[in-house]
């Protein structure tokens, strides 16, 4: 999935959400990431959280651990 398709799918999902509190949470999350300097988020993680990120990355290299994007979208 390319950037254009990903943005389009995100817009479609956001357009379906009427819950202002949820939209605010999504906005705040994205705004924090936009304003964060590179590596700033990583430095806030505990060692256990960093291990989980590394483990997730390693597991993502095995196709058996991945969920098809269409299935993920269907859960939303």
C-alpha atoms as a PDB file:
ATOM      1  CA  UNK A   1       0.000   0.000   0.000  1.00  0.00           C
ATOM      2  CA  UNK A   2       1.433   3.315  -1.065  1.00  0.00           C
ATOM      3  CA  UNK A   3       1.271   6.685   0.623  1.00  0.00           C
ATOM      4  CA  UNK A   4      -1.611   7.963  -1.490  1.00  0.00           C
ATOM      5  CA  UNK A   5      -3.768   4.896  -0.829  1.00  0.00           C
ATOM      6  CA  UNK A   6      -2.922   4.974   2.874  1.00  0.00           C
ATOM      7  CA  UNK A   7      -3.899   8.647   3.157  1.00  0.00           C
ATOM      8  CA  UNK A   8      -7.102   7.975   1.263  1.00  0.00           C
ATOM      9  CA  UNK A   9      -8.011   5.084   3.574  1.00  0.00           C
ATOM     10  CA  UNK A  10      -7.258   7.201   6.636  1.00  0.00           C
ATOM     11  CA  UNK A  11      -9.522   9.971   5.333  1.00  0.00           C
ATOM     12  CA  UNK A  12     -12.336   7.472   4.745  1.00  0.00           C
ATOM     13  CA  UNK A  13     -12.009   6.116   8.275  1.00  0.00           C
ATOM     14  CA  UNK A  14     -11.923   9.595   9.812  1.00  0.00           C
ATOM     15  CA  UNK A  15     -14.936  10.684   7.790  1.00  0.00           C
ATOM     16  CA  UNK A  16     -16.993   7.869   9.345  1.00  0.00           C
ATOM     17  CA  UNK A  17     -16.177   8.864  12.947  1.00  0.00           C
ATOM     18  CA  UNK A  18     -18.740  11.127  14.625  1.00  0.00           C
ATOM     19  CA  UNK A  19     -17.360  10.813  18.163  1.00  0.00           C
ATOM     20  CA  UNK A  20     -15.685  14.152  18.914  1.00  0.00           C
ATOM     21  CA  UNK A  21     -13.711  12.733  21.843  1.00  0.00           C
ATOM     22  CA  UNK A  22     -12.253   9.974  19.662  1.00  0.00           C
ATOM     23  CA  UNK A  23     -11.443  12.455  16.893  1.00  0.00           C
ATOM     24  CA  UNK A  24      -9.709  14.709  19.441  1.00  0.00           C
ATOM     25  CA  UNK A  25      -7.645  11.767  20.704  1.00  0.00           C
ATOM     26  CA  UNK A  26      -6.607  10.849  17.157  1.00  0.00           C
ATOM     27  CA  UNK A  27      -5.792  14.479  16.396  1.00  0.00           C
ATOM     28  CA  UNK A  28      -3.713  14.870  19.564  1.00  0.00           C
ATOM     29  CA  UNK A  29      -1.855  11.625  18.825  1.00  0.00           C
ATOM     30  CA  UNK A  30      -1.007  12.688  15.273  1.00  0.00           C
ATOM     31  CA  UNK A  31      -0.143  16.247  16.295  1.00  0.00           C
ATOM     32  CA  UNK A  32       2.284  14.972  18.943  1.00  0.00           C
ATOM     33  CA  UNK A  33       4.031  12.833  16.343  1.00  0.00           C
ATOM     34  CA  UNK A  34       4.153  15.701  13.870  1.00  0.00           C
ATOM     35  CA  UNK A  35       5.733  18.036  16.435  1.00  0.00           C
ATOM     36  CA  UNK A  36       8.121  15.447  17.904  1.00  0.00           C
ATOM     37  CA  UNK A  37      11.762  15.533  16.962  1.00  0.00           C
ATOM     38  CA  UNK A  38      13.222  12.392  15.453  1.00  0.00           C
ATOM     39  CA  UNK A  39      13.990   9.847  18.161  1.00  0.00           C
ATOM     40  CA  UNK A  40      12.120  11.809  20.840  1.00  0.00           C
ATOM     41  CA  UNK A  41       9.352   9.231  21.209  1.00  0.00           C
ATOM     42  CA  UNK A  42      11.827   6.353  21.410  1.00  0.00           C
ATOM     43  CA  UNK A  43      13.643   8.032  24.290  1.00  0.00           C
ATOM     44  CA  UNK A  44      10.408   8.103  26.330  1.00  0.00           C
ATOM     45  CA  UNK A  45       9.961   4.316  26.181  1.00  0.00           C
ATOM     46  CA  UNK A  46      10.991   2.026  29.013  1.00  0.00           C
ATOM     47  CA  UNK A  47      13.468  -0.752  28.301  1.00  0.00           C
ATOM     48  CA  UNK A  48      10.592  -3.254  28.398  1.00  0.00           C
ATOM     49  CA  UNK A  49       8.638  -1.230  25.817  1.00  0.00           C
ATOM     50  CA  UNK A  50      11.716  -1.026  23.581  1.00  0.00           C
ATOM     51  CA  UNK A  51      12.115  -4.813  23.805  1.00  0.00           C
ATOM     52  CA  UNK A  52       8.460  -5.201  22.750  1.00  0.00           C
ATOM     53  CA  UNK A  53       9.043  -2.954  19.729  1.00  0.00           C
ATOM     54  CA  UNK A  54      12.108  -4.962  18.700  1.00  0.00           C
ATOM     55  CA  UNK A  55      10.238  -8.249  19.192  1.00  0.00           C
ATOM     56  CA  UNK A  56       7.278  -6.999  17.151  1.00  0.00           C
ATOM     57  CA  UNK A  57       9.620  -5.939  14.377  1.00  0.00           C
ATOM     58  CA  UNK A  58      11.316  -9.350  14.340  1.00  0.00           C
ATOM     59  CA  UNK A  59       7.948 -11.130  14.318  1.00  0.00           C
ATOM     60  CA  UNK A  60       6.751  -8.961  11.435  1.00  0.00           C
ATOM     61  CA  UNK A  61       9.383 -10.556   9.207  1.00  0.00           C
ATOM     62  CA  UNK A  62       7.407 -13.819   9.356  1.00  0.00           C
ATOM     63  CA  UNK A  63       4.429 -13.636   6.978  1.00  0.00           C
ATOM     64  CA  UNK A  64       2.494 -16.042   9.208  1.00  0.00           C
ATOM     65  CA  UNK A  65       2.356 -13.315  11.880  1.00  0.00           C
ATOM     66  CA  UNK A  66       0.887 -10.661   9.598  1.00  0.00           C
ATOM     67  CA  UNK A  67      -2.785  -9.763   9.164  1.00  0.00           C
ATOM     68  CA  UNK A  68      -4.065  -8.801   5.733  1.00  0.00           C
ATOM     69  CA  UNK A  69      -4.829  -5.068   5.504  1.00  0.00           C
ATOM     70  CA  UNK A  70      -8.363  -5.707   4.213  1.00  0.00           C
ATOM     71  CA  UNK A  71      -9.048  -7.828   7.312  1.00  0.00           C
ATOM     72  CA  UNK A  72      -7.761  -5.032   9.566  1.00  0.00           C
ATOM     73  CA  UNK A  73      -9.972  -2.486   7.797  1.00  0.00           C
ATOM     74  CA  UNK A  74     -12.933  -4.810   8.224  1.00  0.00           C
ATOM     75  CA  UNK A  75     -12.468  -4.754  12.002  1.00  0.00           C
ATOM     76  CA  UNK A  76     -12.781  -0.974  12.217  1.00  0.00           C
END
